[in-house]
Each structure stands twice: as C-alpha cells, then as structure tokens.
Amino acid sequence: MWQHHAVQAFLIAAVVSPFSYYAGSVAKQLNLPQITGYLVSGVLCGPYVLGILSQASVGDLNIIEGACLGIIGLAAGAELQLSELNRAKRQVRQHLEPVAACSQL
C-alpha cells in the first residue's frame, strides 16, 4: 500500500513542481525570497483555493516532505559561517532561545 502512496506523491510533485519553480522565479523578480513564491503556489494549488491538490494528495506528499526538509536544513547549515555567527552571537541567541523554549512545551 505504501508503494501506491509513494508513486502518487512523486506524480503530484512532478505536476506541481514546475508551477512552484515559476512562482519562486516571479517572487525573486519582485525582490522577494523565492520561498515566498513556493508558499504562494502551495496555497493556490492546495485544497482550499484552486483545489488542484486534494487533502488526500497533500497527505501523500508527507512521504517526501521529510526528505526535502532534511535537504533544505543541510543546505542551510552548509552555508553558515562560524566566524559570522560568532560576531552575531547575541542576535542569534535572542532568536533561538524563544524557539527552543517554545519547542519544549
């Protein structure tokens, strides 16, 4: 049964990804972060606006969601420079401490 959901997830991603890529490019041209375009495309394609993705198909995407978040985290971590973080240690701590506190709730 999981194979069916995996195939479904990859088919959905193959159909929606080009639209998301284009939306990210448009956001970048508007001097916005590309992720803004990706989020807008998700909202538009989701079950509550255009309905291109049903709630079940969004659930199927959970299969690849974890892998994608792992890759994003790896890429973000690889770009961090410890020397810059040391200079901005106070600001980083001010942002991370509330997040860490809330995650313990």
C-alpha atoms as a PDB file:
ATOM      1  CA  MET A   1       0.000   0.000   0.000  1.00  0.00           C
ATOM      2  CA  TRP A   2       2.833   2.425   0.798  1.00  0.00           C
ATOM      3  CA  GLN A   3       4.173   1.987  -2.759  1.00  0.00           C
ATOM      4  CA  HIS A   4       0.915   3.393  -4.120  1.00  0.00           C
ATOM      5  CA  HIS A   5       1.229   6.451  -1.879  1.00  0.00           C
ATOM      6  CA  ALA A   6       4.890   6.924  -2.848  1.00  0.00           C
ATOM      7  CA  VAL A   7       4.089   6.796  -6.561  1.00  0.00           C
ATOM      8  CA  GLN A   8       1.156   9.154  -6.011  1.00  0.00           C
ATOM      9  CA  ALA A   9       3.394  11.600  -4.136  1.00  0.00           C
ATOM     10  CA  PHE A  10       6.024  11.654  -6.878  1.00  0.00           C
ATOM     11  CA  LEU A  11       3.383  12.159  -9.573  1.00  0.00           C
ATOM     12  CA  ILE A  12       1.886  15.060  -7.653  1.00  0.00           C
ATOM     13  CA  ALA A  13       5.322  16.593  -7.133  1.00  0.00           C
ATOM     14  CA  ALA A  14       6.138  16.186 -10.829  1.00  0.00           C
ATOM     15  CA  VAL A  15       2.990  18.068 -11.815  1.00  0.00           C
ATOM     16  CA  VAL A  16       3.126  20.853  -9.215  1.00  0.00           C
ATOM     17  CA  SER A  17       6.902  21.455  -9.018  1.00  0.00           C
ATOM     18  CA  PRO A  18       7.204  23.388 -12.305  1.00  0.00           C
ATOM     19  CA  PHE A  19       4.454  25.757 -11.148  1.00  0.00           C
ATOM     20  CA  SER A  20       6.213  26.243  -7.810  1.00  0.00           C
ATOM     21  CA  TYR A  21       9.536  26.853  -9.551  1.00  0.00           C
ATOM     22  CA  TYR A  22       7.929  29.507 -11.757  1.00  0.00           C
ATOM     23  CA  ALA A  23       6.252  31.130  -8.738  1.00  0.00           C
ATOM     24  CA  GLY A  24       9.637  31.241  -6.984  1.00  0.00           C
ATOM     25  CA  SER A  25      11.176  32.925 -10.014  1.00  0.00           C
ATOM     26  CA  VAL A  26       8.413  35.527 -10.076  1.00  0.00           C
ATOM     27  CA  ALA A  27       8.921  36.217  -6.372  1.00  0.00           C
ATOM     28  CA  LYS A  28      12.641  36.684  -6.952  1.00  0.00           C
ATOM     29  CA  GLN A  29      11.941  39.190  -9.750  1.00  0.00           C
ATOM     30  CA  LEU A  30       9.763  41.081  -7.275  1.00  0.00           C
ATOM     31  CA  ASN A  31      12.722  41.200  -4.856  1.00  0.00           C
ATOM     32  CA  LEU A  32      11.045  38.714  -2.521  1.00  0.00           C
ATOM     33  CA  PRO A  33      12.580  35.493  -1.241  1.00  0.00           C
ATOM     34  CA  GLN A  34      11.917  32.589  -3.597  1.00  0.00           C
ATOM     35  CA  ILE A  35      10.297  30.650  -0.781  1.00  0.00           C
ATOM     36  CA  THR A  36       7.514  33.247  -0.864  1.00  0.00           C
ATOM     37  CA  GLY A  37       6.617  32.083  -4.361  1.00  0.00           C
ATOM     38  CA  TYR A  38       6.793  28.447  -3.293  1.00  0.00           C
ATOM     39  CA  LEU A  39       4.428  29.115  -0.400  1.00  0.00           C
ATOM     40  CA  VAL A  40       2.002  31.059  -2.581  1.00  0.00           C
ATOM     41  CA  SER A  41       1.965  28.221  -5.119  1.00  0.00           C
ATOM     42  CA  GLY A  42       1.229  25.751  -2.314  1.00  0.00           C
ATOM     43  CA  VAL A  43      -1.669  27.842  -1.084  1.00  0.00           C
ATOM     44  CA  LEU A  44      -3.046  28.275  -4.600  1.00  0.00           C
ATOM     45  CA  CYS A  45      -2.695  24.612  -5.580  1.00  0.00           C
ATOM     46  CA  GLY A  46      -3.915  23.333  -2.226  1.00  0.00           C
ATOM     47  CA  PRO A  47      -7.378  22.025  -1.456  1.00  0.00           C
ATOM     48  CA  TYR A  48      -8.708  25.348  -0.166  1.00  0.00           C
ATOM     49  CA  VAL A  49      -8.149  27.675  -3.149  1.00  0.00           C
ATOM     50  CA  LEU A  50      -7.923  26.089  -6.609  1.00  0.00           C
ATOM     51  CA  GLY A  51      -8.277  22.533  -5.382  1.00  0.00           C
ATOM     52  CA  ILE A  52      -5.590  21.140  -7.695  1.00  0.00           C
ATOM     53  CA  LEU A  53      -4.352  19.105  -4.725  1.00  0.00           C
ATOM     54  CA  SER A  54      -6.903  17.248  -2.626  1.00  0.00           C
ATOM     55  CA  GLN A  55      -6.445  16.763   1.098  1.00  0.00           C
ATOM     56  CA  ALA A  56      -5.538  13.125   0.411  1.00  0.00           C
ATOM     57  CA  SER A  57      -2.871  14.099  -2.119  1.00  0.00           C
ATOM     58  CA  VAL A  58      -1.412  16.627   0.317  1.00  0.00           C
ATOM     59  CA  GLY A  59      -1.216  13.774   2.803  1.00  0.00           C
ATOM     60  CA  ASP A  60       0.584  11.668   0.197  1.00  0.00           C
ATOM     61  CA  LEU A  61       3.216  14.406  -0.103  1.00  0.00           C
ATOM     62  CA  ASN A  62       4.224  13.761   3.523  1.00  0.00           C
ATOM     63  CA  ILE A  63       6.290  10.881   2.187  1.00  0.00           C
ATOM     64  CA  ILE A  64       8.754  13.246   0.513  1.00  0.00           C
ATOM     65  CA  GLU A  65       8.307  16.180   2.895  1.00  0.00           C
ATOM     66  CA  GLY A  66      10.788  14.837   5.442  1.00  0.00           C
ATOM     67  CA  ALA A  67      13.456  14.233   2.824  1.00  0.00           C
ATOM     68  CA  CYS A  68      13.006  17.714   1.390  1.00  0.00           C
ATOM     69  CA  LEU A  69      13.216  19.371   4.807  1.00  0.00           C
ATOM     70  CA  GLY A  70      16.363  17.412   5.533  1.00  0.00           C
ATOM     71  CA  ILE A  71      17.966  18.618   2.312  1.00  0.00           C
ATOM     72  CA  ILE A  72      16.931  22.224   2.999  1.00  0.00           C
ATOM     73  CA  GLY A  73      18.398  22.024   6.510  1.00  0.00           C
ATOM     74  CA  LEU A  74      21.618  20.529   5.192  1.00  0.00           C
ATOM     75  CA  ALA A  75      21.950  23.232   2.539  1.00  0.00           C
ATOM     76  CA  ALA A  76      21.236  26.000   5.057  1.00  0.00           C
ATOM     77  CA  GLY A  77      23.713  24.594   7.543  1.00  0.00           C
ATOM     78  CA  ALA A  78      26.400  24.271   4.887  1.00  0.00           C
ATOM     79  CA  GLU A  79      26.126  27.996   4.147  1.00  0.00           C
ATOM     80  CA  LEU A  80      26.600  29.112   7.743  1.00  0.00           C
ATOM     81  CA  GLN A  81      29.996  30.516   8.586  1.00  0.00           C
ATOM     82  CA  LEU A  82      31.001  30.181  12.215  1.00  0.00           C
ATOM     83  CA  SER A  83      33.037  33.390  12.119  1.00  0.00           C
ATOM     84  CA  GLU A  84      29.930  35.352  11.141  1.00  0.00           C
ATOM     85  CA  LEU A  85      27.853  33.562  13.754  1.00  0.00           C
ATOM     86  CA  ASN A  86      30.382  34.473  16.440  1.00  0.00           C
ATOM     87  CA  ARG A  87      30.028  38.134  15.505  1.00  0.00           C
ATOM     88  CA  ALA A  88      26.256  37.919  15.632  1.00  0.00           C
ATOM     89  CA  LYS A  89      26.124  35.584  18.651  1.00  0.00           C
ATOM     90  CA  ARG A  90      23.888  37.851  20.709  1.00  0.00           C
ATOM     91  CA  GLN A  91      21.337  38.291  17.922  1.00  0.00           C
ATOM     92  CA  VAL A  92      21.346  34.587  17.140  1.00  0.00           C
ATOM     93  CA  ARG A  93      20.805  33.756  20.803  1.00  0.00           C
ATOM     94  CA  GLN A  94      17.912  36.252  21.030  1.00  0.00           C
ATOM     95  CA  HIS A  95      16.197  34.497  18.120  1.00  0.00           C
ATOM     96  CA  LEU A  96      16.957  30.910  19.063  1.00  0.00           C
ATOM     97  CA  GLU A  97      16.185  30.977  22.790  1.00  0.00           C
ATOM     98  CA  PRO A  98      12.428  31.657  22.360  1.00  0.00           C
ATOM     99  CA  VAL A  99      12.222  28.983  19.668  1.00  0.00           C
ATOM    100  CA  ALA A 100      13.996  26.480  21.914  1.00  0.00           C
ATOM    101  CA  ALA A 101      11.748  27.408  24.853  1.00  0.00           C
ATOM    102  CA  CYS A 102       8.576  27.014  22.787  1.00  0.00           C
ATOM    103  CA  SER A 103       9.701  23.679  21.389  1.00  0.00           C
ATOM    104  CA  GLN A 104       9.924  22.329  24.945  1.00  0.00           C
ATOM    105  CA  LEU A 105       6.212  22.978  25.539  1.00  0.00           C
END
